[in-house]
PDB file of N, CA and C in Angstrom:
ATOM      1  N   MET A   1     -29.879 -48.274  24.292  1.00  0.00           N
ATOM      2  CA  MET A   1     -30.888 -47.286  23.989  1.00  0.00           C
ATOM      3  C   MET A   1     -31.874 -47.893  22.992  1.00  0.00           C
ATOM      4  N   LYS A   2     -33.135 -47.723  23.245  1.00  0.00           N
ATOM      5  CA  LYS A   2     -34.173 -48.264  22.378  1.00  0.00           C
ATOM      6  C   LYS A   2     -34.530 -47.239  21.312  1.00  0.00           C
ATOM      7  N   LEU A   3     -34.647 -47.704  20.074  1.00  0.00           N
ATOM      8  CA  LEU A   3     -35.019 -46.846  18.956  1.00  0.00           C
ATOM      9  C   LEU A   3     -36.533 -46.708  18.931  1.00  0.00           C
ATOM     10  N   ILE A   4     -36.998 -45.472  18.926  1.00  0.00           N
ATOM     11  CA  ILE A   4     -38.431 -45.211  18.871  1.00  0.00           C
ATOM     12  C   ILE A   4     -38.747 -44.535  17.548  1.00  0.00           C
ATOM     13  N   ASN A   5     -39.668 -45.118  16.827  1.00  0.00           N
ATOM     14  CA  ASN A   5     -40.077 -44.579  15.535  1.00  0.00           C
ATOM     15  C   ASN A   5     -41.595 -44.445  15.547  1.00  0.00           C
ATOM     16  N   ASP A   6     -42.071 -43.200  15.600  1.00  0.00           N
ATOM     17  CA  ASP A   6     -43.514 -42.951  15.661  1.00  0.00           C
ATOM     18  C   ASP A   6     -44.184 -43.097  14.304  1.00  0.00           C
ATOM     19  N   LYS A   7     -43.410 -43.091  13.250  1.00  0.00           N
ATOM     20  CA  LYS A   7     -43.970 -43.078  11.907  1.00  0.00           C
ATOM     21  C   LYS A   7     -44.471 -44.449  11.494  1.00  0.00           C
ATOM     22  N   GLN A   8     -45.398 -44.432  10.559  1.00  0.00           N
ATOM     23  CA  GLN A   8     -45.975 -45.659  10.034  1.00  0.00           C
ATOM     24  C   GLN A   8     -44.932 -46.460   9.248  1.00  0.00           C
ATOM     25  N   TYR A   9     -44.038 -45.772   8.532  1.00  0.00           N
ATOM     26  CA  TYR A   9     -43.044 -46.441   7.694  1.00  0.00           C
ATOM     27  C   TYR A   9     -41.694 -46.474   8.402  1.00  0.00           C
ATOM     28  N   LYS A  10     -41.033 -47.616   8.341  1.00  0.00           N
ATOM     29  CA  LYS A  10     -39.755 -47.775   9.031  1.00  0.00           C
ATOM     30  C   LYS A  10     -38.556 -47.722   8.106  1.00  0.00           C
ATOM     31  N   ASN A  11     -38.787 -47.595   6.796  1.00  0.00           N
ATOM     32  CA  ASN A  11     -37.683 -47.439   5.858  1.00  0.00           C
ATOM     33  C   ASN A  11     -38.155 -46.683   4.630  1.00  0.00           C
ATOM     34  N   LEU A  12     -37.192 -46.233   3.827  1.00  0.00           N
ATOM     35  CA  LEU A  12     -37.489 -45.485   2.614  1.00  0.00           C
ATOM     36  C   LEU A  12     -37.429 -46.344   1.358  1.00  0.00           C
ATOM     37  N   ILE A  13     -36.895 -47.543   1.464  1.00  0.00           N
ATOM     38  CA  ILE A  13     -36.562 -48.302   0.257  1.00  0.00           C
ATOM     39  C   ILE A  13     -37.574 -49.372  -0.138  1.00  0.00           C
ATOM     40  N   GLY A  14     -38.547 -49.651   0.691  1.00  0.00           N
ATOM     41  CA  GLY A  14     -39.436 -50.796   0.480  1.00  0.00           C
ATOM     42  C   GLY A  14     -40.016 -50.931  -0.907  1.00  0.00           C
ATOM     43  N   LYS A  15     -40.664 -49.889  -1.389  1.00  0.00           N
ATOM     44  CA  LYS A  15     -41.322 -49.973  -2.700  1.00  0.00           C
ATOM     45  C   LYS A  15     -40.312 -50.127  -3.825  1.00  0.00           C
ATOM     46  N   ARG A  16     -39.205 -49.410  -3.733  1.00  0.00           N
ATOM     47  CA  ARG A  16     -38.192 -49.510  -4.793  1.00  0.00           C
ATOM     48  C   ARG A  16     -37.452 -50.841  -4.730  1.00  0.00           C
ATOM     49  N   LEU A  17     -37.276 -51.366  -3.542  1.00  0.00           N
ATOM     50  CA  LEU A  17     -36.652 -52.685  -3.417  1.00  0.00           C
ATOM     51  C   LEU A  17     -37.493 -53.724  -4.145  1.00  0.00           C
ATOM     52  N   LYS A  18     -38.791 -53.693  -3.941  1.00  0.00           N
ATOM     53  CA  LYS A  18     -39.673 -54.648  -4.619  1.00  0.00           C
ATOM     54  C   LYS A  18     -39.630 -54.445  -6.129  1.00  0.00           C
ATOM     55  N   THR A  19     -39.642 -53.192  -6.575  1.00  0.00           N
ATOM     56  CA  THR A  19     -39.571 -52.902  -8.013  1.00  0.00           C
ATOM     57  C   THR A  19     -38.299 -53.483  -8.619  1.00  0.00           C
ATOM     58  N   ALA A  20     -37.157 -53.240  -7.971  1.00  0.00           N
ATOM     59  CA  ALA A  20     -35.872 -53.735  -8.482  1.00  0.00           C
ATOM     60  C   ALA A  20     -35.827 -55.263  -8.451  1.00  0.00           C
ATOM     61  N   ARG A  21     -36.357 -55.852  -7.406  1.00  0.00           N
ATOM     62  CA  ARG A  21     -36.372 -57.320  -7.298  1.00  0.00           C
ATOM     63  C   ARG A  21     -37.181 -57.927  -8.437  1.00  0.00           C
ATOM     64  N   LEU A  22     -38.341 -57.364  -8.693  1.00  0.00           N
ATOM     65  CA  LEU A  22     -39.188 -57.899  -9.765  1.00  0.00           C
ATOM     66  C   LEU A  22     -38.573 -57.671 -11.139  1.00  0.00           C
ATOM     67  N   LYS A  23     -37.900 -56.537 -11.344  1.00  0.00           N
ATOM     68  CA  LYS A  23     -37.220 -56.296 -12.630  1.00  0.00           C
ATOM     69  C   LYS A  23     -36.113 -57.309 -12.868  1.00  0.00           C
ATOM     70  N   ASN A  24     -35.523 -57.798 -11.779  1.00  0.00           N
ATOM     71  CA  ASN A  24     -34.476 -58.812 -11.880  1.00  0.00           C
ATOM     72  C   ASN A  24     -35.044 -60.226 -11.867  1.00  0.00           C
ATOM     73  N   ASN A  25     -36.384 -60.339 -11.909  1.00  0.00           N
ATOM     74  CA  ASN A  25     -37.064 -61.642 -11.908  1.00  0.00           C
ATOM     75  C   ASN A  25     -36.605 -62.539 -10.757  1.00  0.00           C
ATOM     76  N   LEU A  26     -36.555 -61.970  -9.557  1.00  0.00           N
ATOM     77  CA  LEU A  26     -36.131 -62.712  -8.377  1.00  0.00           C
ATOM     78  C   LEU A  26     -37.277 -62.791  -7.373  1.00  0.00           C
ATOM     79  N   THR A  27     -37.379 -63.931  -6.717  1.00  0.00           N
ATOM     80  CA  THR A  27     -38.323 -64.058  -5.604  1.00  0.00           C
ATOM     81  C   THR A  27     -37.643 -63.536  -4.341  1.00  0.00           C
ATOM     82  N   GLN A  28     -38.425 -63.324  -3.319  1.00  0.00           N
ATOM     83  CA  GLN A  28     -37.838 -62.907  -2.045  1.00  0.00           C
ATOM     84  C   GLN A  28     -36.881 -63.971  -1.526  1.00  0.00           C
ATOM     85  N   GLN A  29     -37.226 -65.232  -1.711  1.00  0.00           N
ATOM     86  CA  GLN A  29     -36.357 -66.327  -1.266  1.00  0.00           C
ATOM     87  C   GLN A  29     -35.031 -66.309  -2.030  1.00  0.00           C
ATOM     88  N   GLN A  30     -35.074 -66.070  -3.324  1.00  0.00           N
ATOM     89  CA  GLN A  30     -33.841 -66.011  -4.113  1.00  0.00           C
ATOM     90  C   GLN A  30     -32.957 -64.847  -3.657  1.00  0.00           C
ATOM     91  N   VAL A  31     -33.572 -63.710  -3.350  1.00  0.00           N
ATOM     92  CA  VAL A  31     -32.803 -62.559  -2.846  1.00  0.00           C
ATOM     93  C   VAL A  31     -32.143 -62.940  -1.523  1.00  0.00           C
ATOM     94  N   SER A  32     -32.880 -63.587  -0.652  1.00  0.00           N
ATOM     95  CA  SER A  32     -32.337 -64.012   0.639  1.00  0.00           C
ATOM     96  C   SER A  32     -31.114 -64.914   0.458  1.00  0.00           C
ATOM     97  N   ILE A  33     -31.219 -65.881  -0.437  1.00  0.00           N
ATOM     98  CA  ILE A  33     -30.115 -66.817  -0.689  1.00  0.00           C
ATOM     99  C   ILE A  33     -28.905 -66.094  -1.272  1.00  0.00           C
ATOM    100  N   LYS A  34     -29.131 -65.202  -2.234  1.00  0.00           N
ATOM    101  CA  LYS A  34     -28.022 -64.462  -2.848  1.00  0.00           C
ATOM    102  C   LYS A  34     -27.345 -63.537  -1.830  1.00  0.00           C
ATOM    103  N   LEU A  35     -28.137 -62.935  -0.944  1.00  0.00           N
ATOM    104  CA  LEU A  35     -27.557 -62.080   0.099  1.00  0.00           C
ATOM    105  C   LEU A  35     -26.674 -62.904   1.034  1.00  0.00           C
ATOM    106  N   GLN A  36     -27.096 -64.135   1.333  1.00  0.00           N
ATOM    107  CA  GLN A  36     -26.308 -65.002   2.208  1.00  0.00           C
ATOM    108  C   GLN A  36     -24.932 -65.260   1.621  1.00  0.00           C
ATOM    109  N   THR A  37     -24.849 -65.413   0.301  1.00  0.00           N
ATOM    110  CA  THR A  37     -23.545 -65.645  -0.327  1.00  0.00           C
ATOM    111  C   THR A  37     -22.659 -64.401  -0.226  1.00  0.00           C
ATOM    112  N   MET A  38     -23.297 -63.239   0.032  1.00  0.00           N
ATOM    113  CA  MET A  38     -22.552 -61.989   0.212  1.00  0.00           C
ATOM    114  C   MET A  38     -22.245 -61.732   1.693  1.00  0.00           C
ATOM    115  N   GLY A  39     -22.667 -62.653   2.565  1.00  0.00           N
ATOM    116  CA  GLY A  39     -22.422 -62.498   3.991  1.00  0.00           C
ATOM    117  C   GLY A  39     -23.460 -61.653   4.710  1.00  0.00           C
ATOM    118  N   VAL A  40     -24.610 -61.454   4.072  1.00  0.00           N
ATOM    119  CA  VAL A  40     -25.691 -60.672   4.683  1.00  0.00           C
ATOM    120  C   VAL A  40     -26.865 -61.623   4.877  1.00  0.00           C
ATOM    121  N   TYR A  41     -27.262 -61.817   6.125  1.00  0.00           N
ATOM    122  CA  TYR A  41     -28.277 -62.814   6.440  1.00  0.00           C
ATOM    123  C   TYR A  41     -29.618 -62.145   6.741  1.00  0.00           C
ATOM    124  N   ILE A  42     -30.495 -62.182   5.739  1.00  0.00           N
ATOM    125  CA  ILE A  42     -31.853 -61.664   5.863  1.00  0.00           C
ATOM    126  C   ILE A  42     -32.777 -62.746   5.329  1.00  0.00           C
ATOM    127  N   ASP A  43     -33.693 -63.220   6.153  1.00  0.00           N
ATOM    128  CA  ASP A  43     -34.592 -64.277   5.680  1.00  0.00           C
ATOM    129  C   ASP A  43     -35.708 -63.709   4.806  1.00  0.00           C
ATOM    130  N   ARG A  44     -36.450 -64.600   4.149  1.00  0.00           N
ATOM    131  CA  ARG A  44     -37.489 -64.186   3.226  1.00  0.00           C
ATOM    132  C   ARG A  44     -38.554 -63.338   3.904  1.00  0.00           C
ATOM    133  N   ALA A  45     -38.939 -63.711   5.112  1.00  0.00           N
ATOM    134  CA  ALA A  45     -39.965 -62.962   5.837  1.00  0.00           C
ATOM    135  C   ALA A  45     -39.504 -61.530   6.125  1.00  0.00           C
ATOM    136  N   SER A  46     -38.231 -61.367   6.427  1.00  0.00           N
ATOM    137  CA  SER A  46     -37.698 -60.025   6.680  1.00  0.00           C
ATOM    138  C   SER A  46     -37.671 -59.185   5.411  1.00  0.00           C
ATOM    139  N   ILE A  47     -37.370 -59.809   4.285  1.00  0.00           N
ATOM    140  CA  ILE A  47     -37.411 -59.082   3.010  1.00  0.00           C
ATOM    141  C   ILE A  47     -38.835 -58.618   2.735  1.00  0.00           C
ATOM    142  N   SER A  48     -39.810 -59.460   3.030  1.00  0.00           N
ATOM    143  CA  SER A  48     -41.211 -59.074   2.881  1.00  0.00           C
ATOM    144  C   SER A  48     -41.534 -57.868   3.752  1.00  0.00           C
ATOM    145  N   LYS A  49     -41.074 -57.888   4.991  1.00  0.00           N
ATOM    146  CA  LYS A  49     -41.320 -56.768   5.899  1.00  0.00           C
ATOM    147  C   LYS A  49     -40.636 -55.490   5.410  1.00  0.00           C
ATOM    148  N   ILE A  50     -39.442 -55.624   4.852  1.00  0.00           N
ATOM    149  CA  ILE A  50     -38.750 -54.450   4.306  1.00  0.00           C
ATOM    150  C   ILE A  50     -39.562 -53.879   3.152  1.00  0.00           C
ATOM    151  N   GLU A  51     -40.023 -54.732   2.260  1.00  0.00           N
ATOM    152  CA  GLU A  51     -40.808 -54.274   1.106  1.00  0.00           C
ATOM    153  C   GLU A  51     -42.124 -53.619   1.529  1.00  0.00           C
ATOM    154  N   GLN A  52     -42.641 -54.002   2.670  1.00  0.00           N
ATOM    155  CA  GLN A  52     -43.869 -53.400   3.201  1.00  0.00           C
ATOM    156  C   GLN A  52     -43.562 -52.191   4.099  1.00  0.00           C
ATOM    157  N   CYS A  53     -42.279 -51.845   4.193  1.00  0.00           N
ATOM    158  CA  CYS A  53     -41.807 -50.721   5.034  1.00  0.00           C
ATOM    159  C   CYS A  53     -42.105 -50.947   6.510  1.00  0.00           C
ATOM    160  N   LYS A  54     -42.097 -52.195   6.938  1.00  0.00           N
ATOM    161  CA  LYS A  54     -42.369 -52.535   8.333  1.00  0.00           C
ATOM    162  C   LYS A  54     -41.111 -52.904   9.111  1.00  0.00           C
ATOM    163  N   ARG A  55     -39.963 -52.876   8.447  1.00  0.00           N
ATOM    164  CA  ARG A  55     -38.702 -53.237   9.093  1.00  0.00           C
ATOM    165  C   ARG A  55     -37.639 -52.226   8.719  1.00  0.00           C
ATOM    166  N   ILE A  56     -36.835 -51.870   9.703  1.00  0.00           N
ATOM    167  CA  ILE A  56     -35.723 -50.953   9.481  1.00  0.00           C
ATOM    168  C   ILE A  56     -34.640 -51.670   8.673  1.00  0.00           C
ATOM    169  N   VAL A  57     -33.925 -50.921   7.841  1.00  0.00           N
ATOM    170  CA  VAL A  57     -32.840 -51.462   7.024  1.00  0.00           C
ATOM    171  C   VAL A  57     -31.528 -50.835   7.495  1.00  0.00           C
ATOM    172  N   THR A  58     -30.532 -51.674   7.729  1.00  0.00           N
ATOM    173  CA  THR A  58     -29.228 -51.158   8.146  1.00  0.00           C
ATOM    174  C   THR A  58     -28.433 -50.681   6.927  1.00  0.00           C
ATOM    175  N   ASP A  59     -27.387 -49.941   7.196  1.00  0.00           N
ATOM    176  CA  ASP A  59     -26.575 -49.411   6.098  1.00  0.00           C
ATOM    177  C   ASP A  59     -25.925 -50.524   5.284  1.00  0.00           C
ATOM    178  N   TYR A  60     -25.414 -51.555   5.928  1.00  0.00           N
ATOM    179  CA  TYR A  60     -24.771 -52.628   5.153  1.00  0.00           C
ATOM    180  C   TYR A  60     -25.793 -53.438   4.364  1.00  0.00           C
ATOM    181  N   GLU A  61     -27.022 -53.559   4.877  1.00  0.00           N
ATOM    182  CA  GLU A  61     -28.071 -54.228   4.112  1.00  0.00           C
ATOM    183  C   GLU A  61     -28.436 -53.400   2.883  1.00  0.00           C
ATOM    184  N   LEU A  62     -28.510 -52.093   3.046  1.00  0.00           N
ATOM    185  CA  LEU A  62     -28.820 -51.190   1.937  1.00  0.00           C
ATOM    186  C   LEU A  62     -27.790 -51.333   0.823  1.00  0.00           C
ATOM    187  N   VAL A  63     -26.524 -51.345   1.185  1.00  0.00           N
ATOM    188  CA  VAL A  63     -25.452 -51.496   0.194  1.00  0.00           C
ATOM    189  C   VAL A  63     -25.537 -52.865  -0.478  1.00  0.00           C
ATOM    190  N   ALA A  64     -25.824 -53.904   0.282  1.00  0.00           N
ATOM    191  CA  ALA A  64     -25.932 -55.254  -0.288  1.00  0.00           C
ATOM    192  C   ALA A  64     -27.091 -55.345  -1.282  1.00  0.00           C
ATOM    193  N   PHE A  65     -28.239 -54.772  -0.935  1.00  0.00           N
ATOM    194  CA  PHE A  65     -29.373 -54.752  -1.870  1.00  0.00           C
ATOM    195  C   PHE A  65     -28.985 -54.030  -3.152  1.00  0.00           C
ATOM    196  N   SER A  66     -28.303 -52.923  -3.003  1.00  0.00           N
ATOM    197  CA  SER A  66     -27.887 -52.124  -4.151  1.00  0.00           C
ATOM    198  C   SER A  66     -26.998 -52.944  -5.095  1.00  0.00           C
ATOM    199  N   LYS A  67     -25.997 -53.597  -4.536  1.00  0.00           N
ATOM    200  CA  LYS A  67     -25.072 -54.402  -5.351  1.00  0.00           C
ATOM    201  C   LYS A  67     -25.788 -55.588  -5.997  1.00  0.00           C
ATOM    202  N   LEU A  68     -26.591 -56.269  -5.215  1.00  0.00           N
ATOM    203  CA  LEU A  68     -27.283 -57.461  -5.704  1.00  0.00           C
ATOM    204  C   LEU A  68     -28.243 -57.142  -6.844  1.00  0.00           C
ATOM    205  N   LEU A  69     -28.966 -56.040  -6.732  1.00  0.00           N
ATOM    206  CA  LEU A  69     -30.010 -55.724  -7.697  1.00  0.00           C
ATOM    207  C   LEU A  69     -29.551 -54.781  -8.806  1.00  0.00           C
ATOM    208  N   GLY A  70     -28.302 -54.330  -8.746  1.00  0.00           N
ATOM    209  CA  GLY A  70     -27.753 -53.495  -9.809  1.00  0.00           C
ATOM    210  C   GLY A  70     -28.356 -52.102  -9.873  1.00  0.00           C
ATOM    211  N   VAL A  71     -28.696 -51.562  -8.719  1.00  0.00           N
ATOM    212  CA  VAL A  71     -29.218 -50.197  -8.644  1.00  0.00           C
ATOM    213  C   VAL A  71     -28.373 -49.419  -7.636  1.00  0.00           C
ATOM    214  N   SER A  72     -28.444 -48.106  -7.708  1.00  0.00           N
ATOM    215  CA  SER A  72     -27.653 -47.302  -6.778  1.00  0.00           C
ATOM    216  C   SER A  72     -28.380 -47.163  -5.436  1.00  0.00           C
ATOM    217  N   VAL A  73     -27.601 -46.907  -4.411  1.00  0.00           N
ATOM    218  CA  VAL A  73     -28.159 -46.631  -3.093  1.00  0.00           C
ATOM    219  C   VAL A  73     -29.073 -45.410  -3.180  1.00  0.00           C
ATOM    220  N   SER A  74     -28.655 -44.406  -3.926  1.00  0.00           N
ATOM    221  CA  SER A  74     -29.465 -43.191  -4.092  1.00  0.00           C
ATOM    222  C   SER A  74     -30.816 -43.505  -4.723  1.00  0.00           C
ATOM    223  N   TRP A  75     -30.828 -44.421  -5.674  1.00  0.00           N
ATOM    224  CA  TRP A  75     -32.099 -44.794  -6.299  1.00  0.00           C
ATOM    225  C   TRP A  75     -33.002 -45.505  -5.291  1.00  0.00           C
ATOM    226  N   LEU A  76     -32.435 -46.449  -4.542  1.00  0.00           N
ATOM    227  CA  LEU A  76     -33.229 -47.150  -3.531  1.00  0.00           C
ATOM    228  C   LEU A  76     -33.821 -46.182  -2.526  1.00  0.00           C
ATOM    229  N   LEU A  77     -33.064 -45.159  -2.165  1.00  0.00           N
ATOM    230  CA  LEU A  77     -33.529 -44.183  -1.179  1.00  0.00           C
ATOM    231  C   LEU A  77     -34.512 -43.173  -1.750  1.00  0.00           C
ATOM    232  N   GLY A  78     -34.700 -43.191  -3.053  1.00  0.00           N
ATOM    233  CA  GLY A  78     -35.627 -42.259  -3.683  1.00  0.00           C
ATOM    234  C   GLY A  78     -35.025 -40.915  -4.013  1.00  0.00           C
ATOM    235  N   ILE A  79     -33.700 -40.802  -3.922  1.00  0.00           N
ATOM    236  CA  ILE A  79     -33.010 -39.549  -4.236  1.00  0.00           C
ATOM    237  C   ILE A  79     -32.926 -39.368  -5.747  1.00  0.00           C
ATOM    238  N   GLU A  80     -32.598 -40.458  -6.436  1.00  0.00           N
ATOM    239  CA  GLU A  80     -32.537 -40.436  -7.909  1.00  0.00           C
ATOM    240  C   GLU A  80     -33.927 -40.776  -8.451  1.00  0.00           C
ATOM    241  N   LYS A  81     -34.234 -40.176  -9.590  1.00  0.00           N
ATOM    242  CA  LYS A  81     -35.521 -40.448 -10.255  1.00  0.00           C
ATOM    243  C   LYS A  81     -35.508 -41.851 -10.849  1.00  0.00           C
ATOM    244  N   GLU A  82     -36.660 -42.301 -11.234  1.00  0.00           N
ATOM    245  CA  GLU A  82     -36.832 -43.614 -11.858  1.00  0.00           C
ATOM    246  C   GLU A  82     -35.948 -43.686 -13.033  1.00  0.00           C
TER     247      GLU A  82
END
């Protein structure tokens, strides 16, 4: 089954992911490398697309970002306030 998304944005976490990454003084490439050590393979270009809300994020990727950047899943999703 093909996933159809009519909306302009493909994820909820893009802007907060970039905020958390920059607070941790990490480049997109560094995030990619650290994720690989956790068994999650996302290249730098894909991280860029996620931050621009142009790529869907899976549940295990969401959890990995949360652990790596020291923020909660709820915060990444915009449920928790800044």
